[in-house]
């Protein structure tokens, strides 16, 4: 079991939903990845993300799909690409990433609570 955290700790994470508006393979990455441009609505706008999701997803399948991401981590450089948000997923039985998304379409920018 992992360390317990307080509700205040959880509330410090800003997890939002957004719609993928662009996706392409990330050239030069050590592990296969897809670069995403995600629209988080008027308040946050578009943000970029590098996601190691190539086992289950092709870039063309991701356009228009809603995803969840942590939007308040500092940006990271990955293979020369600036990843501004951490797109969230869960491991399948083999450890490959399966994206987290809402069951129904929700407004972009909505915050997880």
N, C-alpha and C. Protein backbone atom coordinates (compact mmCIF):
# COMPACT_ATOMS: atom_id res chain seq x y z
N UNK A 1 0.85 -1.18 0.00
CA UNK A 1 0.00 0.00 0.00
C UNK A 1 0.90 1.24 0.00
N UNK A 2 0.50 2.26 -0.74
CA UNK A 2 1.30 3.47 -0.79
C UNK A 2 1.00 4.37 0.40
N UNK A 3 1.87 5.35 0.56
CA UNK A 3 1.74 6.29 1.67
C UNK A 3 0.42 7.05 1.58
N UNK A 4 -0.23 7.24 2.70
CA UNK A 4 -1.47 8.01 2.71
C UNK A 4 -1.15 9.50 2.55
N UNK A 5 -2.04 10.19 1.85
CA UNK A 5 -1.91 11.63 1.67
C UNK A 5 -3.20 12.29 2.14
N UNK A 6 -3.12 13.57 2.38
CA UNK A 6 -4.30 14.30 2.82
C UNK A 6 -5.11 14.76 1.62
N UNK A 7 -6.34 15.16 1.88
CA UNK A 7 -7.18 15.73 0.83
C UNK A 7 -6.51 16.98 0.26
N UNK A 8 -5.85 17.76 1.10
CA UNK A 8 -5.15 18.97 0.64
C UNK A 8 -4.05 18.61 -0.36
N UNK A 9 -3.35 17.47 -0.13
CA UNK A 9 -2.34 17.03 -1.09
C UNK A 9 -2.98 16.73 -2.44
N UNK A 10 -4.08 16.00 -2.43
CA UNK A 10 -4.79 15.67 -3.67
C UNK A 10 -5.25 16.94 -4.39
N UNK A 11 -5.77 17.88 -3.64
CA UNK A 11 -6.30 19.11 -4.24
C UNK A 11 -5.23 19.97 -4.89
N UNK A 12 -3.97 19.74 -4.55
CA UNK A 12 -2.87 20.49 -5.18
C UNK A 12 -2.67 20.05 -6.63
N UNK A 13 -3.06 18.82 -6.96
CA UNK A 13 -2.98 18.36 -8.34
C UNK A 13 -4.12 18.97 -9.14
N UNK A 14 -3.79 19.53 -10.28
CA UNK A 14 -4.82 20.10 -11.16
C UNK A 14 -4.98 19.15 -12.34
N UNK A 15 -5.99 18.28 -12.24
CA UNK A 15 -6.24 17.28 -13.28
C UNK A 15 -7.45 17.74 -14.08
N UNK A 16 -7.25 17.93 -15.38
CA UNK A 16 -8.30 18.47 -16.25
C UNK A 16 -8.55 17.53 -17.43
N UNK A 17 -9.69 17.73 -18.06
CA UNK A 17 -10.04 17.00 -19.28
C UNK A 17 -9.85 17.95 -20.47
N UNK A 18 -9.36 17.38 -21.56
CA UNK A 18 -9.19 18.15 -22.78
C UNK A 18 -9.37 17.25 -23.99
N UNK A 19 -9.49 17.87 -25.16
CA UNK A 19 -9.68 17.15 -26.41
C UNK A 19 -8.41 17.21 -27.24
N UNK A 20 -7.95 16.05 -27.72
CA UNK A 20 -6.77 16.00 -28.58
C UNK A 20 -7.12 16.63 -29.92
N UNK A 21 -6.34 17.66 -30.31
CA UNK A 21 -6.58 18.34 -31.59
C UNK A 21 -5.49 18.04 -32.62
N UNK A 22 -4.35 17.50 -32.15
CA UNK A 22 -3.28 17.12 -33.07
C UNK A 22 -2.47 16.01 -32.40
N UNK A 23 -1.98 15.07 -33.21
CA UNK A 23 -1.18 13.96 -32.70
C UNK A 23 -0.26 13.46 -33.81
N UNK A 24 0.98 13.14 -33.43
CA UNK A 24 1.96 12.61 -34.38
C UNK A 24 3.00 11.82 -33.60
N UNK A 25 3.67 10.90 -34.28
CA UNK A 25 4.75 10.17 -33.63
C UNK A 25 5.84 11.16 -33.22
N UNK A 26 6.43 10.95 -32.07
CA UNK A 26 7.50 11.81 -31.57
C UNK A 26 8.83 11.23 -32.05
N UNK A 27 9.39 11.87 -33.06
CA UNK A 27 10.66 11.42 -33.63
C UNK A 27 11.79 11.66 -32.64
N UNK A 28 12.71 10.72 -32.56
CA UNK A 28 13.89 10.89 -31.72
C UNK A 28 13.73 10.46 -30.27
N UNK A 29 12.55 10.02 -29.89
CA UNK A 29 12.32 9.58 -28.51
C UNK A 29 12.98 8.21 -28.30
N UNK A 30 13.57 7.99 -27.10
CA UNK A 30 14.21 6.70 -26.79
C UNK A 30 13.18 5.58 -26.75
N UNK A 31 12.00 5.87 -26.20
CA UNK A 31 10.90 4.91 -26.19
C UNK A 31 9.83 5.47 -27.12
N UNK A 32 9.17 4.63 -27.92
CA UNK A 32 8.14 5.14 -28.85
C UNK A 32 7.09 5.96 -28.10
N UNK A 33 6.79 7.12 -28.67
CA UNK A 33 5.83 8.04 -28.03
C UNK A 33 5.07 8.81 -29.10
N UNK A 34 3.96 9.37 -28.67
CA UNK A 34 3.15 10.23 -29.53
C UNK A 34 3.12 11.61 -28.91
N UNK A 35 3.35 12.63 -29.73
CA UNK A 35 3.22 14.01 -29.24
C UNK A 35 1.78 14.44 -29.46
N UNK A 36 1.20 15.02 -28.44
CA UNK A 36 -0.20 15.43 -28.48
C UNK A 36 -0.32 16.93 -28.30
N UNK A 37 -1.29 17.52 -28.95
CA UNK A 37 -1.73 18.87 -28.64
C UNK A 37 -3.16 18.71 -28.14
N UNK A 38 -3.39 19.18 -26.91
CA UNK A 38 -4.67 18.97 -26.24
C UNK A 38 -5.30 20.32 -25.93
N UNK A 39 -6.57 20.48 -26.30
CA UNK A 39 -7.31 21.72 -26.03
C UNK A 39 -8.05 21.57 -24.70
N UNK A 40 -7.66 22.40 -23.73
CA UNK A 40 -8.28 22.38 -22.41
C UNK A 40 -9.31 23.51 -22.23
N UNK A 41 -9.79 24.08 -23.31
CA UNK A 41 -10.82 25.10 -23.22
C UNK A 41 -10.25 26.50 -23.05
N UNK A 42 -11.16 27.46 -22.89
CA UNK A 42 -10.79 28.87 -22.88
C UNK A 42 -9.82 29.26 -21.76
N UNK A 43 -9.99 28.69 -20.58
CA UNK A 43 -9.16 29.10 -19.44
C UNK A 43 -7.69 28.69 -19.61
N UNK A 44 -7.44 27.46 -20.06
CA UNK A 44 -6.07 26.95 -20.17
C UNK A 44 -5.54 26.92 -21.59
N UNK A 45 -6.41 26.87 -22.57
CA UNK A 45 -5.97 26.81 -23.96
C UNK A 45 -5.37 25.47 -24.33
N UNK A 46 -4.52 25.50 -25.35
CA UNK A 46 -3.91 24.27 -25.85
C UNK A 46 -2.57 24.03 -25.16
N UNK A 47 -2.34 22.77 -24.81
CA UNK A 47 -1.08 22.36 -24.17
C UNK A 47 -0.56 21.12 -24.88
N UNK A 48 0.76 20.90 -24.79
CA UNK A 48 1.39 19.77 -25.44
C UNK A 48 1.75 18.68 -24.44
N UNK A 49 1.82 17.44 -24.94
CA UNK A 49 2.16 16.31 -24.09
C UNK A 49 2.85 15.23 -24.92
N UNK A 50 3.84 14.58 -24.33
CA UNK A 50 4.45 13.40 -24.92
C UNK A 50 3.92 12.20 -24.15
N UNK A 51 3.38 11.23 -24.87
CA UNK A 51 2.75 10.08 -24.20
C UNK A 51 3.24 8.78 -24.83
N UNK A 52 3.68 7.84 -23.99
CA UNK A 52 4.14 6.53 -24.46
C UNK A 52 2.93 5.60 -24.58
N UNK A 53 2.16 5.82 -25.62
CA UNK A 53 0.87 5.13 -25.80
C UNK A 53 0.78 4.41 -27.14
N UNK A 54 1.93 4.13 -27.76
CA UNK A 54 1.92 3.58 -29.12
C UNK A 54 1.47 2.12 -29.21
N UNK A 55 1.40 1.41 -28.10
CA UNK A 55 0.96 0.01 -28.16
C UNK A 55 -0.51 -0.07 -28.54
N UNK A 56 -1.33 0.80 -27.97
CA UNK A 56 -2.78 0.72 -28.20
C UNK A 56 -3.34 1.82 -29.11
N UNK A 57 -2.55 2.85 -29.42
CA UNK A 57 -3.10 4.00 -30.14
C UNK A 57 -2.21 4.41 -31.31
N UNK A 58 -2.85 4.84 -32.39
CA UNK A 58 -2.18 5.49 -33.52
C UNK A 58 -2.56 6.97 -33.45
N UNK A 59 -1.69 7.85 -33.93
CA UNK A 59 -2.01 9.28 -33.86
C UNK A 59 -3.37 9.64 -34.44
N UNK A 60 -3.73 9.07 -35.58
CA UNK A 60 -5.00 9.42 -36.22
C UNK A 60 -6.20 8.99 -35.40
N UNK A 61 -6.05 7.99 -34.52
CA UNK A 61 -7.16 7.53 -33.67
C UNK A 61 -7.41 8.48 -32.50
N UNK A 62 -6.46 9.34 -32.22
CA UNK A 62 -6.54 10.18 -31.02
C UNK A 62 -7.22 11.53 -31.25
N UNK A 63 -7.26 11.98 -32.50
CA UNK A 63 -7.86 13.28 -32.81
C UNK A 63 -9.34 13.25 -32.42
N UNK A 64 -9.76 14.22 -31.61
CA UNK A 64 -11.14 14.31 -31.16
C UNK A 64 -11.43 13.55 -29.87
N UNK A 65 -10.48 12.76 -29.37
CA UNK A 65 -10.67 11.98 -28.15
C UNK A 65 -10.39 12.85 -26.93
N UNK A 66 -11.25 12.74 -25.94
CA UNK A 66 -10.98 13.44 -24.68
C UNK A 66 -10.04 12.60 -23.84
N UNK A 67 -9.12 13.29 -23.14
CA UNK A 67 -8.15 12.65 -22.26
C UNK A 67 -8.07 13.46 -20.97
N UNK A 68 -7.53 12.83 -19.93
CA UNK A 68 -7.30 13.52 -18.66
C UNK A 68 -5.80 13.74 -18.49
N UNK A 69 -5.44 14.88 -17.89
CA UNK A 69 -4.02 15.20 -17.73
C UNK A 69 -3.81 16.09 -16.51
N UNK A 70 -2.62 15.94 -15.91
CA UNK A 70 -2.19 16.86 -14.85
C UNK A 70 -1.62 18.08 -15.56
N UNK A 71 -2.18 19.25 -15.26
CA UNK A 71 -1.78 20.46 -15.99
C UNK A 71 -0.89 21.39 -15.17
N UNK A 72 -0.58 21.04 -13.93
CA UNK A 72 0.24 21.95 -13.12
C UNK A 72 1.60 21.38 -12.72
N UNK A 73 2.13 20.43 -13.49
CA UNK A 73 3.52 20.02 -13.34
C UNK A 73 4.37 20.95 -14.20
N UNK A 74 5.65 21.16 -13.86
CA UNK A 74 6.50 21.97 -14.73
C UNK A 74 6.73 21.26 -16.07
N UNK A 75 6.92 22.01 -17.15
CA UNK A 75 7.18 21.40 -18.45
C UNK A 75 8.47 20.59 -18.44
N UNK A 76 8.52 19.56 -19.31
CA UNK A 76 9.73 18.73 -19.47
C UNK A 76 10.08 18.66 -20.94
N UNK A 77 11.39 18.59 -21.22
CA UNK A 77 11.86 18.42 -22.59
C UNK A 77 12.06 16.92 -22.85
N UNK A 78 11.42 16.40 -23.90
CA UNK A 78 11.53 14.99 -24.26
C UNK A 78 11.84 14.93 -25.75
N UNK A 79 13.03 14.45 -26.08
CA UNK A 79 13.46 14.34 -27.49
C UNK A 79 13.29 15.67 -28.22
N UNK A 80 13.66 16.77 -27.56
CA UNK A 80 13.56 18.09 -28.17
C UNK A 80 12.15 18.67 -28.20
N UNK A 81 11.21 17.99 -27.62
CA UNK A 81 9.80 18.41 -27.60
C UNK A 81 9.43 18.83 -26.19
N UNK A 82 8.75 19.97 -26.05
CA UNK A 82 8.34 20.42 -24.73
C UNK A 82 6.99 19.82 -24.36
N UNK A 83 6.99 18.97 -23.34
CA UNK A 83 5.77 18.35 -22.84
C UNK A 83 5.29 19.19 -21.65
N UNK A 84 4.11 19.80 -21.81
CA UNK A 84 3.60 20.74 -20.80
C UNK A 84 2.65 20.11 -19.79
N UNK A 85 2.05 18.98 -20.16
CA UNK A 85 1.10 18.30 -19.26
C UNK A 85 1.41 16.81 -19.24
N UNK A 86 0.99 16.15 -18.16
CA UNK A 86 1.15 14.69 -18.03
C UNK A 86 -0.19 14.04 -18.35
N UNK A 87 -0.27 13.40 -19.53
CA UNK A 87 -1.47 12.69 -19.92
C UNK A 87 -1.55 11.40 -19.11
N UNK A 88 -2.73 11.12 -18.55
CA UNK A 88 -2.89 10.03 -17.59
C UNK A 88 -3.40 8.74 -18.23
N UNK A 89 -2.88 7.64 -17.73
CA UNK A 89 -3.30 6.33 -18.18
C UNK A 89 -3.09 5.30 -17.10
N UNK A 90 -3.57 4.11 -17.37
CA UNK A 90 -3.43 2.97 -16.46
C UNK A 90 -2.79 1.84 -17.25
N UNK A 91 -2.03 0.94 -16.58
CA UNK A 91 -1.41 -0.16 -17.31
C UNK A 91 -2.41 -1.28 -17.60
N UNK A 92 -2.29 -1.85 -18.81
CA UNK A 92 -3.06 -3.06 -19.10
C UNK A 92 -2.32 -4.25 -18.47
N UNK A 93 -2.75 -5.47 -18.75
CA UNK A 93 -2.15 -6.66 -18.14
C UNK A 93 -0.67 -6.82 -18.48
N UNK A 94 -0.23 -6.23 -19.60
CA UNK A 94 1.17 -6.32 -20.00
C UNK A 94 1.96 -5.06 -19.68
N UNK A 95 1.33 -4.07 -19.05
CA UNK A 95 2.02 -2.84 -18.68
C UNK A 95 1.92 -1.72 -19.70
N UNK A 96 1.26 -1.94 -20.82
CA UNK A 96 1.08 -0.88 -21.82
C UNK A 96 0.01 0.11 -21.35
N UNK A 97 0.17 1.36 -21.73
CA UNK A 97 -0.71 2.43 -21.24
C UNK A 97 -2.07 2.42 -21.95
N UNK A 98 -3.13 2.50 -21.13
CA UNK A 98 -4.50 2.70 -21.61
C UNK A 98 -4.93 4.05 -21.07
N UNK A 99 -5.33 4.95 -21.95
CA UNK A 99 -5.67 6.31 -21.54
C UNK A 99 -6.89 6.38 -20.63
N UNK A 100 -6.86 7.35 -19.73
CA UNK A 100 -8.01 7.64 -18.87
C UNK A 100 -8.82 8.75 -19.54
N UNK A 101 -10.13 8.52 -19.59
CA UNK A 101 -11.02 9.53 -20.17
C UNK A 101 -12.40 9.40 -19.56
N UNK A 102 -13.21 10.46 -19.64
CA UNK A 102 -14.57 10.36 -19.08
C UNK A 102 -15.44 9.41 -19.91
N UNK A 103 -16.44 8.82 -19.27
CA UNK A 103 -17.37 7.93 -19.97
C UNK A 103 -18.23 8.69 -20.97
N UNK A 104 -18.53 9.95 -20.67
CA UNK A 104 -19.37 10.78 -21.52
C UNK A 104 -18.61 12.04 -21.87
N UNK A 105 -18.98 12.69 -22.99
CA UNK A 105 -18.33 13.94 -23.36
C UNK A 105 -18.66 15.00 -22.31
N UNK A 106 -17.63 15.69 -21.87
CA UNK A 106 -17.77 16.76 -20.87
C UNK A 106 -17.07 18.00 -21.42
N UNK A 107 -17.38 19.19 -20.87
CA UNK A 107 -16.72 20.41 -21.37
C UNK A 107 -15.21 20.34 -21.13
N UNK A 108 -14.44 20.72 -22.16
CA UNK A 108 -12.99 20.79 -22.02
C UNK A 108 -12.61 21.76 -20.91
N UNK A 109 -11.60 21.37 -20.15
CA UNK A 109 -11.12 22.20 -19.04
C UNK A 109 -11.72 21.82 -17.71
N UNK A 110 -12.70 20.91 -17.71
CA UNK A 110 -13.30 20.47 -16.44
C UNK A 110 -12.26 19.85 -15.53
N UNK A 111 -12.35 20.16 -14.25
CA UNK A 111 -11.37 19.69 -13.28
C UNK A 111 -11.87 18.46 -12.53
N UNK A 112 -10.99 17.48 -12.37
CA UNK A 112 -11.31 16.28 -11.61
C UNK A 112 -11.51 16.63 -10.15
N UNK A 113 -12.57 16.08 -9.55
CA UNK A 113 -12.80 16.26 -8.11
C UNK A 113 -13.26 14.98 -7.52
